[in-house]
C-alpha cells in the first residue's frame, strides 16, 4: 500500500531474492534443559539460608525467580496454606492476584521462620539483592 505513495521501485519487505532489501535476522535459539530430579535434589540440599527457601518457594509454587525473591508475608497465609500474589510479569496489564496452594513441605519451611524475624518480605536479603542486581540472584541460582 505504501509502495505507490512512497514512490518505491521495490518492496523492501520482500525477500532479497525478490528485490527486497530487508533480511531476516538469523534465529539463534538458546535452549535450556530441565533439571533432573537428582540435580534438583542436589541443588536444594547444597543451598543454604534464604537461597534454600527461595528454591523451595519456586519448586513448590511454580513462581518465577522475581516473584519468589520479592514475596511478601502479607501474601502468604500459612493457616489456609495459600499464597495470593499478583505475578510481576502481568502486574501492569492484568493486576489480579493468583491463588497458589502451599505444599506442606513449604508450609513447614515457612512456619519455621520465627514470627519476630518476619518483616515485610519473606526473603529480605534476597529481595534487596534482586532489586539491586537481578543478575546476581540469577547467578546464585
N, C-alpha and C. Protein backbone atom coordinates (compact mmCIF):
# COMPACT_ATOMS: atom_id res chain seq x y z
N UNK A 1 0.82 -1.20 0.00
CA UNK A 1 0.00 0.00 0.00
C UNK A 1 0.86 1.26 0.00
N UNK A 2 2.01 1.21 0.64
CA UNK A 2 2.86 2.39 0.70
C UNK A 2 3.77 2.53 -0.53
N UNK A 3 3.87 1.46 -1.29
CA UNK A 3 4.79 1.47 -2.43
C UNK A 3 4.51 2.63 -3.38
N UNK A 4 3.24 2.83 -3.72
CA UNK A 4 2.88 3.91 -4.65
C UNK A 4 3.06 5.28 -4.00
N UNK A 5 2.58 5.43 -2.77
CA UNK A 5 2.69 6.72 -2.09
C UNK A 5 4.13 7.13 -1.85
N UNK A 6 4.98 6.16 -1.52
CA UNK A 6 6.38 6.45 -1.24
C UNK A 6 7.22 6.44 -2.51
N UNK A 7 6.58 6.11 -3.64
CA UNK A 7 7.25 6.05 -4.95
C UNK A 7 8.45 5.10 -4.93
N UNK A 8 8.21 3.93 -4.29
CA UNK A 8 9.26 2.92 -4.24
C UNK A 8 9.27 2.12 -5.52
N UNK A 9 10.44 1.69 -5.92
CA UNK A 9 10.55 0.86 -7.11
C UNK A 9 10.61 -0.62 -6.75
N UNK A 10 10.68 -0.89 -5.44
CA UNK A 10 10.71 -2.28 -4.98
C UNK A 10 10.01 -2.35 -3.62
N UNK A 11 9.67 -3.53 -3.23
CA UNK A 11 9.03 -3.75 -1.93
C UNK A 11 10.13 -4.14 -0.94
N UNK A 12 10.45 -3.28 0.04
CA UNK A 12 11.55 -3.60 0.96
C UNK A 12 11.26 -4.79 1.86
N UNK A 13 9.99 -5.17 1.96
CA UNK A 13 9.65 -6.30 2.82
C UNK A 13 9.68 -7.63 2.09
N UNK A 14 9.87 -7.61 0.78
CA UNK A 14 10.03 -8.86 0.04
C UNK A 14 11.39 -9.45 0.37
N UNK A 15 11.55 -10.71 0.10
CA UNK A 15 12.84 -11.33 0.37
C UNK A 15 13.89 -10.73 -0.57
N UNK A 16 15.17 -10.72 -0.17
CA UNK A 16 16.22 -10.15 -1.02
C UNK A 16 16.27 -10.80 -2.41
N UNK A 17 15.87 -12.07 -2.50
CA UNK A 17 15.88 -12.76 -3.79
C UNK A 17 14.85 -12.16 -4.74
N UNK A 18 13.80 -11.54 -4.17
CA UNK A 18 12.74 -10.95 -4.99
C UNK A 18 12.91 -9.44 -5.12
N UNK A 19 14.07 -8.91 -4.75
CA UNK A 19 14.34 -7.49 -4.92
C UNK A 19 14.21 -6.66 -3.66
N UNK A 20 13.82 -7.27 -2.57
CA UNK A 20 13.71 -6.54 -1.31
C UNK A 20 15.07 -6.32 -0.68
N UNK A 21 15.13 -5.46 0.33
CA UNK A 21 16.43 -5.16 0.94
C UNK A 21 16.52 -5.60 2.40
N UNK A 22 15.42 -6.01 2.98
CA UNK A 22 15.45 -6.42 4.37
C UNK A 22 15.70 -7.91 4.49
N UNK A 23 16.67 -8.26 5.29
CA UNK A 23 16.96 -9.68 5.52
C UNK A 23 16.48 -10.06 6.90
N UNK A 24 16.04 -11.28 7.03
CA UNK A 24 15.65 -11.77 8.34
C UNK A 24 16.87 -11.96 9.20
N UNK A 25 16.67 -11.70 10.48
CA UNK A 25 17.76 -12.00 11.41
C UNK A 25 17.87 -13.50 11.54
N UNK A 26 19.07 -13.94 11.73
CA UNK A 26 19.28 -15.37 11.94
C UNK A 26 18.73 -15.73 13.30
N UNK A 27 17.98 -16.78 13.35
CA UNK A 27 17.39 -17.23 14.59
C UNK A 27 18.44 -17.99 15.38
N UNK A 28 18.81 -17.41 16.51
CA UNK A 28 19.77 -18.06 17.39
C UNK A 28 18.98 -18.55 18.59
N UNK A 29 18.78 -19.83 18.60
CA UNK A 29 17.96 -20.37 19.70
C UNK A 29 18.86 -20.78 20.86
N UNK A 30 18.45 -20.34 21.99
CA UNK A 30 19.17 -20.76 23.19
C UNK A 30 18.18 -21.59 24.00
N UNK A 31 18.49 -22.82 24.12
CA UNK A 31 17.56 -23.69 24.82
C UNK A 31 18.13 -24.08 26.18
N UNK A 32 17.23 -24.20 27.11
CA UNK A 32 17.62 -24.65 28.44
C UNK A 32 16.95 -25.98 28.66
N UNK A 33 17.65 -26.87 29.26
CA UNK A 33 17.04 -28.16 29.54
C UNK A 33 16.55 -28.17 30.98
N UNK A 34 15.58 -28.99 31.23
CA UNK A 34 15.06 -29.11 32.59
C UNK A 34 16.06 -29.90 33.43
N UNK A 35 16.12 -29.55 34.70
CA UNK A 35 16.98 -30.29 35.61
C UNK A 35 16.34 -31.64 35.92
N UNK A 36 17.17 -32.62 36.12
CA UNK A 36 16.66 -33.92 36.52
C UNK A 36 16.27 -33.86 38.00
N UNK A 37 15.52 -34.84 38.45
CA UNK A 37 15.12 -34.89 39.87
C UNK A 37 16.36 -34.96 40.74
N UNK A 38 17.35 -35.73 40.33
CA UNK A 38 18.58 -35.85 41.11
C UNK A 38 19.32 -34.51 41.18
N UNK A 39 19.38 -33.79 40.06
CA UNK A 39 20.04 -32.48 40.04
C UNK A 39 19.30 -31.49 40.94
N UNK A 40 17.97 -31.51 40.89
CA UNK A 40 17.17 -30.64 41.75
C UNK A 40 17.43 -30.95 43.22
N UNK A 41 17.45 -32.22 43.54
CA UNK A 41 17.69 -32.65 44.93
C UNK A 41 19.05 -32.17 45.41
N UNK A 42 20.08 -32.33 44.59
CA UNK A 42 21.43 -31.91 44.96
C UNK A 42 21.51 -30.39 45.14
N UNK A 43 20.87 -29.64 44.24
CA UNK A 43 20.89 -28.19 44.33
C UNK A 43 20.19 -27.71 45.60
N UNK A 44 19.06 -28.30 45.90
CA UNK A 44 18.30 -27.90 47.10
C UNK A 44 19.04 -28.27 48.38
N UNK A 45 19.70 -29.42 48.38
CA UNK A 45 20.46 -29.85 49.56
C UNK A 45 21.69 -28.98 49.77
N UNK A 46 22.29 -28.50 48.70
CA UNK A 46 23.51 -27.70 48.80
C UNK A 46 23.21 -26.24 49.17
N UNK A 47 22.00 -25.78 48.88
CA UNK A 47 21.64 -24.38 49.15
C UNK A 47 21.53 -24.14 50.65
N UNK A 48 21.85 -22.93 51.06
CA UNK A 48 21.80 -22.53 52.48
C UNK A 48 20.99 -21.25 52.62
N UNK A 49 20.42 -21.04 53.79
CA UNK A 49 19.75 -19.80 54.14
C UNK A 49 18.60 -19.44 53.23
N UNK A 50 18.55 -18.17 52.84
CA UNK A 50 17.46 -17.67 52.02
C UNK A 50 17.43 -18.30 50.64
N UNK A 51 18.58 -18.70 50.12
CA UNK A 51 18.60 -19.35 48.81
C UNK A 51 17.83 -20.66 48.88
N UNK A 52 18.00 -21.41 49.94
CA UNK A 52 17.29 -22.67 50.11
C UNK A 52 15.77 -22.43 50.15
N UNK A 53 15.37 -21.40 50.90
CA UNK A 53 13.95 -21.07 50.99
C UNK A 53 13.41 -20.60 49.64
N UNK A 54 14.19 -19.80 48.92
CA UNK A 54 13.75 -19.31 47.62
C UNK A 54 13.59 -20.46 46.63
N UNK A 55 14.52 -21.40 46.64
CA UNK A 55 14.41 -22.56 45.76
C UNK A 55 13.16 -23.36 46.09
N UNK A 56 12.87 -23.50 47.39
CA UNK A 56 11.68 -24.23 47.81
C UNK A 56 10.41 -23.51 47.35
N UNK A 57 10.41 -22.19 47.46
CA UNK A 57 9.25 -21.41 47.01
C UNK A 57 9.04 -21.64 45.51
N UNK A 58 10.10 -21.55 44.74
CA UNK A 58 9.98 -21.77 43.30
C UNK A 58 9.57 -23.18 42.96
N UNK A 59 10.14 -24.14 43.64
CA UNK A 59 9.86 -25.54 43.37
C UNK A 59 8.43 -25.93 43.71
N UNK A 60 7.95 -25.49 44.86
CA UNK A 60 6.64 -25.91 45.34
C UNK A 60 5.48 -25.02 44.88
N UNK A 61 5.78 -23.82 44.36
CA UNK A 61 4.69 -22.94 43.91
C UNK A 61 4.71 -22.68 42.42
N UNK A 62 5.86 -22.82 41.79
CA UNK A 62 5.97 -22.50 40.37
C UNK A 62 6.16 -21.02 40.12
N UNK A 63 6.37 -20.23 41.17
CA UNK A 63 6.61 -18.80 40.99
C UNK A 63 7.93 -18.57 40.26
N UNK A 64 7.96 -17.54 39.45
CA UNK A 64 9.20 -17.16 38.76
C UNK A 64 10.18 -16.59 39.77
N UNK A 65 11.43 -16.49 39.37
CA UNK A 65 12.50 -16.03 40.24
C UNK A 65 12.17 -14.70 40.92
N UNK A 66 11.76 -13.71 40.15
CA UNK A 66 11.45 -12.40 40.70
C UNK A 66 10.31 -12.43 41.70
N UNK A 67 9.30 -13.25 41.42
CA UNK A 67 8.17 -13.36 42.34
C UNK A 67 8.57 -14.07 43.62
N UNK A 68 9.41 -15.08 43.51
CA UNK A 68 9.88 -15.79 44.70
C UNK A 68 10.78 -14.89 45.56
N UNK A 69 11.65 -14.14 44.91
CA UNK A 69 12.59 -13.28 45.64
C UNK A 69 11.90 -12.10 46.31
N UNK A 70 10.78 -11.67 45.77
CA UNK A 70 10.10 -10.48 46.30
C UNK A 70 8.78 -10.80 47.00
N UNK A 71 8.58 -12.05 47.35
CA UNK A 71 7.35 -12.47 48.03
C UNK A 71 7.24 -11.80 49.39
N UNK A 72 6.05 -11.28 49.70
CA UNK A 72 5.80 -10.59 50.97
C UNK A 72 5.01 -11.51 51.91
N UNK A 73 5.21 -11.31 53.20
CA UNK A 73 4.49 -12.10 54.19
C UNK A 73 2.98 -11.84 54.10
N UNK A 74 2.58 -10.63 53.73
CA UNK A 74 1.15 -10.33 53.62
C UNK A 74 0.48 -11.12 52.50
N UNK A 75 1.28 -11.71 51.60
CA UNK A 75 0.74 -12.53 50.51
C UNK A 75 0.68 -14.01 50.89
N UNK A 76 1.23 -14.34 52.04
CA UNK A 76 1.30 -15.74 52.49
C UNK A 76 0.33 -15.95 53.65
N UNK A 77 -0.56 -16.91 53.49
CA UNK A 77 -1.49 -17.28 54.56
C UNK A 77 -1.17 -18.72 54.96
N UNK A 78 -0.39 -18.86 56.03
CA UNK A 78 0.04 -20.20 56.46
C UNK A 78 -1.11 -21.02 57.04
N UNK A 79 -2.07 -20.36 57.65
CA UNK A 79 -3.21 -21.09 58.22
C UNK A 79 -4.04 -21.76 57.13
N UNK A 80 -4.30 -21.01 56.08
CA UNK A 80 -5.08 -21.57 54.96
C UNK A 80 -4.19 -22.24 53.92
N UNK A 81 -2.86 -22.18 54.13
CA UNK A 81 -1.87 -22.72 53.18
C UNK A 81 -2.13 -22.21 51.77
N UNK A 82 -2.05 -20.88 51.67
CA UNK A 82 -2.36 -20.23 50.41
C UNK A 82 -1.47 -19.00 50.23
N UNK A 83 -1.00 -18.81 49.00
CA UNK A 83 -0.28 -17.60 48.62
C UNK A 83 -1.16 -16.89 47.60
N UNK A 84 -1.40 -15.61 47.83
CA UNK A 84 -2.14 -14.80 46.87
C UNK A 84 -1.23 -13.67 46.43
N UNK A 85 -0.89 -13.68 45.14
CA UNK A 85 0.10 -12.73 44.63
C UNK A 85 -0.26 -12.33 43.21
N UNK A 86 0.01 -11.07 42.89
CA UNK A 86 -0.10 -10.61 41.51
C UNK A 86 1.28 -10.82 40.90
N UNK A 87 1.41 -11.76 39.95
CA UNK A 87 2.73 -12.01 39.35
C UNK A 87 3.31 -10.77 38.69
N UNK A 88 4.61 -10.56 38.87
CA UNK A 88 5.28 -9.39 38.30
C UNK A 88 5.10 -9.29 36.79
N UNK A 89 5.08 -10.44 36.12
CA UNK A 89 5.03 -10.45 34.66
C UNK A 89 3.74 -9.83 34.11
N UNK A 90 2.63 -9.96 34.84
CA UNK A 90 1.35 -9.47 34.35
C UNK A 90 0.78 -8.35 35.22
N UNK A 91 1.56 -7.84 36.14
CA UNK A 91 1.06 -6.86 37.12
C UNK A 91 0.48 -5.60 36.48
N UNK A 92 1.04 -5.14 35.36
CA UNK A 92 0.56 -3.91 34.74
C UNK A 92 -0.71 -4.11 33.93
N UNK A 93 -0.76 -5.18 33.17
CA UNK A 93 -1.90 -5.35 32.27
C UNK A 93 -3.03 -6.17 32.86
N UNK A 94 -2.75 -6.95 33.88
CA UNK A 94 -3.80 -7.79 34.48
C UNK A 94 -3.53 -7.91 35.99
N UNK A 95 -3.80 -6.85 36.74
CA UNK A 95 -3.44 -6.84 38.16
C UNK A 95 -4.40 -7.64 39.06
N UNK A 96 -4.59 -8.91 38.72
CA UNK A 96 -5.43 -9.78 39.55
C UNK A 96 -4.53 -10.79 40.24
N UNK A 97 -4.73 -10.99 41.53
CA UNK A 97 -3.90 -11.97 42.23
C UNK A 97 -4.25 -13.40 41.82
N UNK A 98 -3.23 -14.23 41.82
CA UNK A 98 -3.44 -15.67 41.60
C UNK A 98 -3.35 -16.34 42.97
N UNK A 99 -4.11 -17.38 43.16
CA UNK A 99 -4.08 -18.14 44.41
C UNK A 99 -3.27 -19.41 44.19
N UNK A 100 -2.25 -19.58 45.01
CA UNK A 100 -1.35 -20.72 44.87
C UNK A 100 -1.38 -21.52 46.16
N UNK A 101 -1.75 -22.79 46.09
CA UNK A 101 -1.72 -23.60 47.30
C UNK A 101 -0.30 -23.81 47.78
N UNK A 102 -0.12 -23.86 49.10
CA UNK A 102 1.21 -24.04 49.68
C UNK A 102 1.38 -25.51 50.04
N UNK A 103 2.37 -26.14 49.46
CA UNK A 103 2.69 -27.54 49.73
C UNK A 103 3.07 -27.69 51.20
N UNK A 104 2.72 -28.81 51.84
CA UNK A 104 3.06 -29.00 53.26
C UNK A 104 4.55 -28.83 53.58
N UNK A 105 5.43 -29.26 52.69
CA UNK A 105 6.87 -29.10 52.93
C UNK A 105 7.23 -27.62 52.98
N UNK A 106 6.69 -26.85 52.04
CA UNK A 106 6.96 -25.41 52.01
C UNK A 106 6.30 -24.73 53.22
N UNK A 107 5.11 -25.17 53.57
CA UNK A 107 4.42 -24.59 54.74
C UNK A 107 5.26 -24.79 56.00
N UNK A 108 5.84 -25.96 56.18
CA UNK A 108 6.70 -26.23 57.34
C UNK A 108 7.96 -25.37 57.31
N UNK A 109 8.53 -25.22 56.13
CA UNK A 109 9.74 -24.40 55.99
C UNK A 109 9.45 -22.94 56.34
N UNK A 110 8.33 -22.41 55.82
CA UNK A 110 7.97 -21.02 56.11
C UNK A 110 7.57 -20.84 57.57
N UNK A 111 6.88 -21.82 58.14
CA UNK A 111 6.46 -21.75 59.54
C UNK A 111 7.66 -21.80 60.49
N UNK A 112 8.77 -22.38 60.01
CA UNK A 112 9.96 -22.48 60.86
C UNK A 112 10.67 -21.13 61.03
N UNK A 113 10.29 -20.14 60.21
CA UNK A 113 10.87 -18.80 60.36
C UNK A 113 10.15 -18.13 61.53
N UNK A 114 10.88 -17.78 62.58
CA UNK A 114 10.24 -17.19 63.76
C UNK A 114 9.45 -15.92 63.43
N UNK A 115 8.31 -15.75 64.09
CA UNK A 115 7.44 -14.61 63.83
C UNK A 115 8.16 -13.27 64.03
N UNK A 116 9.08 -13.22 64.99
CA UNK A 116 9.79 -11.95 65.24
C UNK A 116 10.76 -11.60 64.11
N UNK A 117 11.11 -12.58 63.28
CA UNK A 117 12.01 -12.34 62.15
C UNK A 117 11.25 -12.06 60.86
N UNK A 118 9.93 -12.09 60.91
CA UNK A 118 9.12 -11.87 59.73
C UNK A 118 8.84 -10.38 59.55
N UNK A 119 9.56 -9.79 58.64
CA UNK A 119 9.35 -8.38 58.33
C UNK A 119 8.36 -8.26 57.20
N UNK A 120 8.64 -7.37 56.27
CA UNK A 120 7.77 -7.17 55.12
C UNK A 120 7.93 -8.31 54.11
N UNK A 121 9.17 -8.70 53.88
CA UNK A 121 9.46 -9.71 52.85
C UNK A 121 9.81 -11.04 53.48
N UNK A 122 9.42 -12.12 52.80
CA UNK A 122 9.75 -13.47 53.26
C UNK A 122 11.27 -13.65 53.21
N UNK A 123 11.89 -13.12 52.16
CA UNK A 123 13.33 -13.24 51.96
C UNK A 123 13.93 -11.83 51.85
N UNK A 124 14.12 -11.14 52.97
CA UNK A 124 14.55 -9.73 52.89
C UNK A 124 15.89 -9.51 52.20
N UNK A 125 16.86 -10.38 52.46
CA UNK A 125 18.17 -10.21 51.82
C UNK A 125 18.09 -10.47 50.33
N UNK A 126 17.35 -11.51 49.95
CA UNK A 126 17.21 -11.85 48.54
C UNK A 126 16.42 -10.76 47.81
N UNK A 127 15.41 -10.20 48.46
CA UNK A 127 14.64 -9.10 47.88
C UNK A 127 15.54 -7.90 47.61
N UNK A 128 16.35 -7.52 48.58
CA UNK A 128 17.24 -6.38 48.42
C UNK A 128 18.23 -6.62 47.28
N UNK A 129 18.79 -7.81 47.23
CA UNK A 129 19.75 -8.14 46.17
C UNK A 129 19.05 -8.16 44.81
N UNK A 130 17.87 -8.73 44.75
CA UNK A 130 17.13 -8.80 43.49
C UNK A 130 16.80 -7.40 42.97
N UNK A 131 16.40 -6.50 43.87
CA UNK A 131 16.08 -5.13 43.45
C UNK A 131 17.31 -4.35 43.04
N UNK A 132 18.47 -4.72 43.57
CA UNK A 132 19.73 -4.04 43.23
C UNK A 132 20.38 -4.65 42.00
N UNK A 133 20.51 -5.99 42.00
CA UNK A 133 21.23 -6.70 40.93
C UNK A 133 20.54 -8.03 40.62
N UNK A 134 19.57 -8.00 39.75
CA UNK A 134 18.83 -9.20 39.36
C UNK A 134 19.77 -10.31 38.89
N UNK A 135 20.80 -9.92 38.16
CA UNK A 135 21.72 -10.91 37.60
C UNK A 135 22.47 -11.69 38.67
N UNK A 136 22.73 -11.06 39.81
CA UNK A 136 23.44 -11.77 40.88
C UNK A 136 22.57 -12.86 41.49
N UNK A 137 21.27 -12.61 41.60
CA UNK A 137 20.35 -13.63 42.10
C UNK A 137 20.27 -14.77 41.10
N UNK A 138 20.19 -14.44 39.83
CA UNK A 138 20.17 -15.46 38.79
C UNK A 138 21.43 -16.32 38.85
N UNK A 139 22.58 -15.68 39.02
CA UNK A 139 23.84 -16.41 39.09
C UNK A 139 23.90 -17.32 40.32
N UNK A 140 23.33 -16.86 41.43
CA UNK A 140 23.30 -17.69 42.64
C UNK A 140 22.52 -18.98 42.39
N UNK A 141 21.38 -18.82 41.72
CA UNK A 141 20.55 -19.99 41.42
C UNK A 141 21.28 -20.89 40.46
